[in-house]
PDB file of N, CA and C in Angstrom:
ATOM      1  N   MET A   1       4.930 -20.528   4.651  1.00  0.00           N
ATOM      2  CA  MET A   1       6.358 -20.464   4.401  1.00  0.00           C
ATOM      3  C   MET A   1       6.607 -19.735   3.091  1.00  0.00           C
ATOM      4  N   ASN A   2       7.569 -18.847   3.088  1.00  0.00           N
ATOM      5  CA  ASN A   2       7.926 -18.083   1.909  1.00  0.00           C
ATOM      6  C   ASN A   2       9.160 -18.711   1.282  1.00  0.00           C
ATOM      7  N   ASN A   3       9.124 -18.986   0.004  1.00  0.00           N
ATOM      8  CA  ASN A   3      10.244 -19.652  -0.659  1.00  0.00           C
ATOM      9  C   ASN A   3      11.085 -18.715  -1.500  1.00  0.00           C
ATOM     10  N   ASP A   4      10.932 -17.400  -1.357  1.00  0.00           N
ATOM     11  CA  ASP A   4      11.739 -16.428  -2.075  1.00  0.00           C
ATOM     12  C   ASP A   4      13.196 -16.604  -1.654  1.00  0.00           C
ATOM     13  N   ALA A   5      14.101 -16.678  -2.618  1.00  0.00           N
ATOM     14  CA  ALA A   5      15.514 -16.939  -2.335  1.00  0.00           C
ATOM     15  C   ALA A   5      16.145 -15.872  -1.446  1.00  0.00           C
ATOM     16  N   ASN A   6      15.589 -14.666  -1.439  1.00  0.00           N
ATOM     17  CA  ASN A   6      16.160 -13.584  -0.644  1.00  0.00           C
ATOM     18  C   ASN A   6      15.510 -13.422   0.715  1.00  0.00           C
ATOM     19  N   GLU A   7      14.498 -14.194   1.010  1.00  0.00           N
ATOM     20  CA  GLU A   7      13.785 -14.065   2.275  1.00  0.00           C
ATOM     21  C   GLU A   7      14.455 -14.890   3.372  1.00  0.00           C
ATOM     22  N   VAL A   8      14.458 -14.335   4.575  1.00  0.00           N
ATOM     23  CA  VAL A   8      14.945 -15.068   5.738  1.00  0.00           C
ATOM     24  C   VAL A   8      13.840 -15.094   6.779  1.00  0.00           C
ATOM     25  N   GLU A   9      13.913 -16.080   7.653  1.00  0.00           N
ATOM     26  CA  GLU A   9      12.949 -16.205   8.727  1.00  0.00           C
ATOM     27  C   GLU A   9      13.678 -16.372  10.045  1.00  0.00           C
ATOM     28  N   VAL A  10      13.090 -15.826  11.081  1.00  0.00           N
ATOM     29  CA  VAL A  10      13.593 -16.038  12.438  1.00  0.00           C
ATOM     30  C   VAL A  10      13.024 -17.370  12.903  1.00  0.00           C
ATOM     31  N   VAL A  11      13.909 -18.298  13.266  1.00  0.00           N
ATOM     32  CA  VAL A  11      13.446 -19.615  13.713  1.00  0.00           C
ATOM     33  C   VAL A  11      13.632 -19.819  15.214  1.00  0.00           C
ATOM     34  N   TYR A  12      14.359 -18.905  15.857  1.00  0.00           N
ATOM     35  CA  TYR A  12      14.602 -19.062  17.287  1.00  0.00           C
ATOM     36  C   TYR A  12      15.049 -17.725  17.861  1.00  0.00           C
ATOM     37  N   ILE A  13      14.586 -17.406  19.059  1.00  0.00           N
ATOM     38  CA  ILE A  13      14.994 -16.188  19.765  1.00  0.00           C
ATOM     39  C   ILE A  13      15.382 -16.588  21.182  1.00  0.00           C
ATOM     40  N   THR A  14      16.511 -16.061  21.629  1.00  0.00           N
ATOM     41  CA  THR A  14      16.985 -16.375  22.976  1.00  0.00           C
ATOM     42  C   THR A  14      17.756 -15.184  23.541  1.00  0.00           C
ATOM     43  N   ASN A  15      17.892 -15.131  24.849  1.00  0.00           N
ATOM     44  CA  ASN A  15      18.749 -14.142  25.499  1.00  0.00           C
ATOM     45  C   ASN A  15      20.097 -14.762  25.852  1.00  0.00           C
ATOM     46  N   ASP A  16      20.298 -16.023  25.516  1.00  0.00           N
ATOM     47  CA  ASP A  16      21.531 -16.747  25.816  1.00  0.00           C
ATOM     48  C   ASP A  16      22.356 -16.868  24.538  1.00  0.00           C
ATOM     49  N   VAL A  17      23.363 -16.002  24.417  1.00  0.00           N
ATOM     50  CA  VAL A  17      24.173 -15.974  23.194  1.00  0.00           C
ATOM     51  C   VAL A  17      24.914 -17.299  22.986  1.00  0.00           C
ATOM     52  N   TYR A  18      25.265 -17.982  24.062  1.00  0.00           N
ATOM     53  CA  TYR A  18      25.978 -19.257  23.933  1.00  0.00           C
ATOM     54  C   TYR A  18      25.060 -20.339  23.369  1.00  0.00           C
ATOM     55  N   GLU A  19      23.814 -20.344  23.811  1.00  0.00           N
ATOM     56  CA  GLU A  19      22.837 -21.277  23.260  1.00  0.00           C
ATOM     57  C   GLU A  19      22.631 -21.000  21.768  1.00  0.00           C
ATOM     58  N   ALA A  20      22.557 -19.736  21.412  1.00  0.00           N
ATOM     59  CA  ALA A  20      22.389 -19.364  20.007  1.00  0.00           C
ATOM     60  C   ALA A  20      23.562 -19.856  19.162  1.00  0.00           C
ATOM     61  N   GLU A  21      24.776 -19.735  19.688  1.00  0.00           N
ATOM     62  CA  GLU A  21      25.974 -20.209  18.974  1.00  0.00           C
ATOM     63  C   GLU A  21      25.924 -21.721  18.772  1.00  0.00           C
ATOM     64  N   ILE A  22      25.521 -22.441  19.813  1.00  0.00           N
ATOM     65  CA  ILE A  22      25.432 -23.898  19.720  1.00  0.00           C
ATOM     66  C   ILE A  22      24.420 -24.298  18.658  1.00  0.00           C
ATOM     67  N   LEU A  23      23.261 -23.651  18.663  1.00  0.00           N
ATOM     68  CA  LEU A  23      22.232 -23.963  17.664  1.00  0.00           C
ATOM     69  C   LEU A  23      22.708 -23.620  16.261  1.00  0.00           C
ATOM     70  N   ARG A  24      23.384 -22.487  16.120  1.00  0.00           N
ATOM     71  CA  ARG A  24      23.907 -22.114  14.800  1.00  0.00           C
ATOM     72  C   ARG A  24      24.879 -23.184  14.296  1.00  0.00           C
ATOM     73  N   ASN A  25      25.764 -23.644  15.162  1.00  0.00           N
ATOM     74  CA  ASN A  25      26.712 -24.682  14.760  1.00  0.00           C
ATOM     75  C   ASN A  25      26.005 -25.974  14.387  1.00  0.00           C
ATOM     76  N   GLU A  26      24.956 -26.315  15.132  1.00  0.00           N
ATOM     77  CA  GLU A  26      24.194 -27.522  14.825  1.00  0.00           C
ATOM     78  C   GLU A  26      23.519 -27.422  13.464  1.00  0.00           C
ATOM     79  N   LEU A  27      22.928 -26.274  13.189  1.00  0.00           N
ATOM     80  CA  LEU A  27      22.276 -26.082  11.897  1.00  0.00           C
ATOM     81  C   LEU A  27      23.293 -26.083  10.765  1.00  0.00           C
ATOM     82  N   HIS A  28      24.432 -25.441  10.978  1.00  0.00           N
ATOM     83  CA  HIS A  28      25.490 -25.488   9.959  1.00  0.00           C
ATOM     84  C   HIS A  28      25.907 -26.928   9.689  1.00  0.00           C
ATOM     85  N   GLY A  29      26.016 -27.726  10.745  1.00  0.00           N
ATOM     86  CA  GLY A  29      26.378 -29.129  10.600  1.00  0.00           C
ATOM     87  C   GLY A  29      25.350 -29.928   9.806  1.00  0.00           C
ATOM     88  N   ALA A  30      24.106 -29.473   9.844  1.00  0.00           N
ATOM     89  CA  ALA A  30      23.032 -30.131   9.097  1.00  0.00           C
ATOM     90  C   ALA A  30      22.907 -29.558   7.679  1.00  0.00           C
ATOM     91  N   GLY A  31      23.815 -28.651   7.323  1.00  0.00           N
ATOM     92  CA  GLY A  31      23.804 -28.087   5.978  1.00  0.00           C
ATOM     93  C   GLY A  31      22.874 -26.906   5.796  1.00  0.00           C
ATOM     94  N   ILE A  32      22.454 -26.297   6.905  1.00  0.00           N
ATOM     95  CA  ILE A  32      21.555 -25.146   6.837  1.00  0.00           C
ATOM     96  C   ILE A  32      22.358 -23.885   7.116  1.00  0.00           C
ATOM     97  N   LYS A  33      22.384 -22.982   6.144  1.00  0.00           N
ATOM     98  CA  LYS A  33      23.059 -21.707   6.351  1.00  0.00           C
ATOM     99  C   LYS A  33      22.217 -20.858   7.277  1.00  0.00           C
ATOM    100  N   CYS A  34      22.868 -20.254   8.270  1.00  0.00           N
ATOM    101  CA  CYS A  34      22.129 -19.420   9.218  1.00  0.00           C
ATOM    102  C   CYS A  34      23.054 -18.356   9.786  1.00  0.00           C
ATOM    103  N   GLU A  35      22.437 -17.328  10.339  1.00  0.00           N
ATOM    104  CA  GLU A  35      23.163 -16.221  10.938  1.00  0.00           C
ATOM    105  C   GLU A  35      22.497 -15.836  12.250  1.00  0.00           C
ATOM    106  N   LEU A  36      23.277 -15.203  13.100  1.00  0.00           N
ATOM    107  CA  LEU A  36      22.757 -14.671  14.356  1.00  0.00           C
ATOM    108  C   LEU A  36      22.632 -13.164  14.228  1.00  0.00           C
ATOM    109  N   ASP A  37      21.560 -12.621  14.760  1.00  0.00           N
ATOM    110  CA  ASP A  37      21.316 -11.192  14.736  1.00  0.00           C
ATOM    111  C   ASP A  37      21.150 -10.698  16.165  1.00  0.00           C
ATOM    112  N   GLY A  38      21.918  -9.672  16.533  1.00  0.00           N
ATOM    113  CA  GLY A  38      21.754  -9.060  17.846  1.00  0.00           C
ATOM    114  C   GLY A  38      22.598  -9.665  18.937  1.00  0.00           C
ATOM    115  N   MET A  39      23.605 -10.484  18.575  1.00  0.00           N
ATOM    116  CA  MET A  39      24.339 -11.195  19.613  1.00  0.00           C
ATOM    117  C   MET A  39      25.382 -10.347  20.332  1.00  0.00           C
ATOM    118  N   SER A  40      25.846  -9.279  19.745  1.00  0.00           N
ATOM    119  CA  SER A  40      26.875  -8.485  20.429  1.00  0.00           C
ATOM    120  C   SER A  40      26.415  -7.040  20.545  1.00  0.00           C
ATOM    121  N   GLN A  41      25.732  -6.761  21.606  1.00  0.00           N
ATOM    122  CA  GLN A  41      25.219  -5.420  21.856  1.00  0.00           C
ATOM    123  C   GLN A  41      25.971  -4.795  23.028  1.00  0.00           C
ATOM    124  N   GLY A  42      27.211  -4.485  22.818  1.00  0.00           N
ATOM    125  CA  GLY A  42      27.995  -3.798  23.837  1.00  0.00           C
ATOM    126  C   GLY A  42      28.231  -4.599  25.098  1.00  0.00           C
ATOM    127  N   GLY A  43      28.292  -5.915  24.998  1.00  0.00           N
ATOM    128  CA  GLY A  43      28.564  -6.741  26.151  1.00  0.00           C
ATOM    129  C   GLY A  43      27.338  -7.115  26.969  1.00  0.00           C
ATOM    130  N   PHE A  44      26.168  -6.664  26.572  1.00  0.00           N
ATOM    131  CA  PHE A  44      24.939  -6.989  27.288  1.00  0.00           C
ATOM    132  C   PHE A  44      24.353  -8.290  26.754  1.00  0.00           C
ATOM    133  N   THR A  45      25.106  -9.364  26.871  1.00  0.00           N
ATOM    134  CA  THR A  45      24.710 -10.627  26.248  1.00  0.00           C
ATOM    135  C   THR A  45      23.462 -11.232  26.858  1.00  0.00           C
ATOM    136  N   GLU A  46      23.182 -10.971  28.112  1.00  0.00           N
ATOM    137  CA  GLU A  46      22.010 -11.560  28.761  1.00  0.00           C
ATOM    138  C   GLU A  46      20.765 -10.684  28.608  1.00  0.00           C
ATOM    139  N   LEU A  47      20.933  -9.441  28.186  1.00  0.00           N
ATOM    140  CA  LEU A  47      19.821  -8.505  28.144  1.00  0.00           C
ATOM    141  C   LEU A  47      19.217  -8.335  26.758  1.00  0.00           C
ATOM    142  N   VAL A  48      19.937  -8.733  25.737  1.00  0.00           N
ATOM    143  CA  VAL A  48      19.519  -8.485  24.365  1.00  0.00           C
ATOM    144  C   VAL A  48      19.115  -9.792  23.698  1.00  0.00           C
ATOM    145  N   GLU A  49      18.027  -9.759  22.978  1.00  0.00           N
ATOM    146  CA  GLU A  49      17.587 -10.945  22.240  1.00  0.00           C
ATOM    147  C   GLU A  49      18.544 -11.240  21.090  1.00  0.00           C
ATOM    148  N   THR A  50      18.872 -12.497  20.943  1.00  0.00           N
ATOM    149  CA  THR A  50      19.635 -12.963  19.797  1.00  0.00           C
ATOM    150  C   THR A  50      18.702 -13.797  18.949  1.00  0.00           C
ATOM    151  N   LYS A  51      18.619 -13.451  17.670  1.00  0.00           N
ATOM    152  CA  LYS A  51      17.726 -14.150  16.750  1.00  0.00           C
ATOM    153  C   LYS A  51      18.545 -15.039  15.827  1.00  0.00           C
ATOM    154  N   LEU A  52      18.033 -16.238  15.602  1.00  0.00           N
ATOM    155  CA  LEU A  52      18.648 -17.179  14.678  1.00  0.00           C
ATOM    156  C   LEU A  52      17.861 -17.104  13.380  1.00  0.00           C
ATOM    157  N   LEU A  53      18.541 -16.703  12.305  1.00  0.00           N
ATOM    158  CA  LEU A  53      17.910 -16.483  11.008  1.00  0.00           C
ATOM    159  C   LEU A  53      18.356 -17.539  10.004  1.00  0.00           C
ATOM    160  N   VAL A  54      17.408 -18.056   9.237  1.00  0.00           N
ATOM    161  CA  VAL A  54      17.721 -19.006   8.162  1.00  0.00           C
ATOM    162  C   VAL A  54      16.955 -18.586   6.916  1.00  0.00           C
ATOM    163  N   ARG A  55      17.355 -19.137   5.792  1.00  0.00           N
ATOM    164  CA  ARG A  55      16.601 -18.882   4.561  1.00  0.00           C
ATOM    165  C   ARG A  55      15.224 -19.502   4.696  1.00  0.00           C
ATOM    166  N   ALA A  56      14.260 -18.868   4.086  1.00  0.00           N
ATOM    167  CA  ALA A  56      12.862 -19.275   4.238  1.00  0.00           C
ATOM    168  C   ALA A  56      12.650 -20.743   3.894  1.00  0.00           C
ATOM    169  N   TRP A  57      13.314 -21.249   2.856  1.00  0.00           N
ATOM    170  CA  TRP A  57      13.078 -22.638   2.464  1.00  0.00           C
ATOM    171  C   TRP A  57      13.683 -23.649   3.438  1.00  0.00           C
ATOM    172  N   ASP A  58      14.562 -23.206   4.316  1.00  0.00           N
ATOM    173  CA  ASP A  58      15.149 -24.091   5.328  1.00  0.00           C
ATOM    174  C   ASP A  58      14.469 -23.963   6.691  1.00  0.00           C
ATOM    175  N   ALA A  59      13.520 -23.049   6.831  1.00  0.00           N
ATOM    176  CA  ALA A  59      12.947 -22.724   8.137  1.00  0.00           C
ATOM    177  C   ALA A  59      12.274 -23.919   8.802  1.00  0.00           C
ATOM    178  N   ASP A  60      11.472 -24.680   8.069  1.00  0.00           N
ATOM    179  CA  ASP A  60      10.782 -25.824   8.677  1.00  0.00           C
ATOM    180  C   ASP A  60      11.774 -26.867   9.179  1.00  0.00           C
ATOM    181  N   ARG A  61      12.765 -27.172   8.371  1.00  0.00           N
ATOM    182  CA  ARG A  61      13.772 -28.165   8.774  1.00  0.00           C
ATOM    183  C   ARG A  61      14.579 -27.662   9.969  1.00  0.00           C
ATOM    184  N   ALA A  62      14.931 -26.382   9.967  1.00  0.00           N
ATOM    185  CA  ALA A  62      15.676 -25.803  11.085  1.00  0.00           C
ATOM    186  C   ALA A  62      14.864 -25.886  12.377  1.00  0.00           C
ATOM    187  N   ARG A  63      13.583 -25.576  12.293  1.00  0.00           N
ATOM    188  CA  ARG A  63      12.730 -25.658  13.488  1.00  0.00           C
ATOM    189  C   ARG A  63      12.642 -27.086  14.019  1.00  0.00           C
ATOM    190  N   ARG A  64      12.566 -28.054  13.123  1.00  0.00           N
ATOM    191  CA  ARG A  64      12.512 -29.456  13.570  1.00  0.00           C
ATOM    192  C   ARG A  64      13.798 -29.842  14.288  1.00  0.00           C
ATOM    193  N   ILE A  65      14.928 -29.409  13.786  1.00  0.00           N
ATOM    194  CA  ILE A  65      16.219 -29.706  14.420  1.00  0.00           C
ATOM    195  C   ILE A  65      16.279 -29.051  15.799  1.00  0.00           C
ATOM    196  N   ILE A  66      15.840 -27.807  15.898  1.00  0.00           N
ATOM    197  CA  ILE A  66      15.850 -27.093  17.173  1.00  0.00           C
ATOM    198  C   ILE A  66      14.902 -27.759  18.161  1.00  0.00           C
ATOM    199  N   GLU A  67      13.717 -28.131  17.704  1.00  0.00           N
ATOM    200  CA  GLU A  67      12.750 -28.803  18.586  1.00  0.00           C
ATOM    201  C   GLU A  67      13.281 -30.145  19.072  1.00  0.00           C
ATOM    202  N   ALA A  68      13.934 -30.905  18.189  1.00  0.00           N
ATOM    203  CA  ALA A  68      14.501 -32.200  18.582  1.00  0.00           C
ATOM    204  C   ALA A  68      15.589 -31.998  19.627  1.00  0.00           C
ATOM    205  N   ARG A  69      16.392 -30.969  19.458  1.00  0.00           N
ATOM    206  CA  ARG A  69      17.455 -30.688  20.434  1.00  0.00           C
ATOM    207  C   ARG A  69      16.843 -30.309  21.777  1.00  0.00           C
ATOM    208  N   SER A  70      15.792 -29.510  21.756  1.00  0.00           N
ATOM    209  CA  SER A  70      15.129 -29.110  22.994  1.00  0.00           C
ATOM    210  C   SER A  70      14.542 -30.314  23.708  1.00  0.00           C
ATOM    211  N   ALA A  71      13.971 -31.244  22.963  1.00  0.00           N
ATOM    212  CA  ALA A  71      13.395 -32.450  23.561  1.00  0.00           C
ATOM    213  C   ALA A  71      14.499 -33.307  24.186  1.00  0.00           C
ATOM    214  N   ASP A  72      15.665 -33.361  23.539  1.00  0.00           N
ATOM    215  CA  ASP A  72      16.784 -34.141  24.067  1.00  0.00           C
ATOM    216  C   ASP A  72      17.351 -33.522  25.335  1.00  0.00           C
ATOM    217  N   LYS A  73      17.244 -32.189  25.472  1.00  0.00           N
ATOM    218  CA  LYS A  73      17.792 -31.499  26.640  1.00  0.00           C
ATOM    219  C   LYS A  73      16.891 -31.594  27.860  1.00  0.00           C
ATOM    220  N   ALA A  74      15.663 -32.027  27.674  1.00  0.00           N
ATOM    221  CA  ALA A  74      14.728 -32.070  28.795  1.00  0.00           C
ATOM    222  C   ALA A  74      15.290 -32.963  29.904  1.00  0.00           C
ATOM    223  N   GLU A  75      15.233 -32.451  31.113  1.00  0.00           N
ATOM    224  CA  GLU A  75      15.740 -33.213  32.243  1.00  0.00           C
ATOM    225  C   GLU A  75      14.654 -34.147  32.760  1.00  0.00           C
ATOM    226  N   PRO A  76      15.045 -35.333  33.161  1.00  0.00           N
ATOM    227  CA  PRO A  76      14.044 -36.248  33.691  1.00  0.00           C
ATOM    228  C   PRO A  76      13.473 -35.724  34.990  1.00  0.00           C
ATOM    229  N   THR A  77      12.225 -35.992  35.201  1.00  0.00           N
ATOM    230  CA  THR A  77      11.604 -35.584  36.455  1.00  0.00           C
ATOM    231  C   THR A  77      12.001 -36.567  37.540  1.00  0.00           C
ATOM    232  N   PRO A  78      12.159 -36.086  38.763  1.00  0.00           N
ATOM    233  CA  PRO A  78      12.548 -36.998  39.847  1.00  0.00           C
ATOM    234  C   PRO A  78      11.404 -37.985  40.117  1.00  0.00           C
ATOM    235  N   PRO A  79      11.755 -39.188  40.552  1.00  0.00           N
ATOM    236  CA  PRO A  79      10.699 -40.168  40.864  1.00  0.00           C
ATOM    237  C   PRO A  79       9.849 -39.690  42.012  1.00  0.00           C
ATOM    238  N   SER A  80       8.573 -39.991  41.926  1.00  0.00           N
ATOM    239  CA  SER A  80       7.675 -39.592  43.016  1.00  0.00           C
ATOM    240  C   SER A  80       7.826 -40.587  44.181  1.00  0.00           C
ATOM    241  N   GLU A  81       7.614 -40.063  45.350  1.00  0.00           N
ATOM    242  CA  GLU A  81       7.784 -40.908  46.544  1.00  0.00           C
ATOM    243  C   GLU A  81       6.506 -41.595  46.919  1.00  0.00           C
TER     244      GLU A  81
END
């Protein structure tokens, strides 16, 4: 991890701009400043990668928040017969 005040790290990449917006709002709510890169490429929202960028010193915490959200979104598996 780089702790330079001017350094940023990519903590998440997605082709779903709406998912990126939700994650950005969640991180902002946790007090982590972040930005999206590549989200508006001429209306090709599903074709272009959107990167979620945070300051290097917040990267580990941001990743933990994203991982926790992903674990919460997991759908239960159907019961076996």
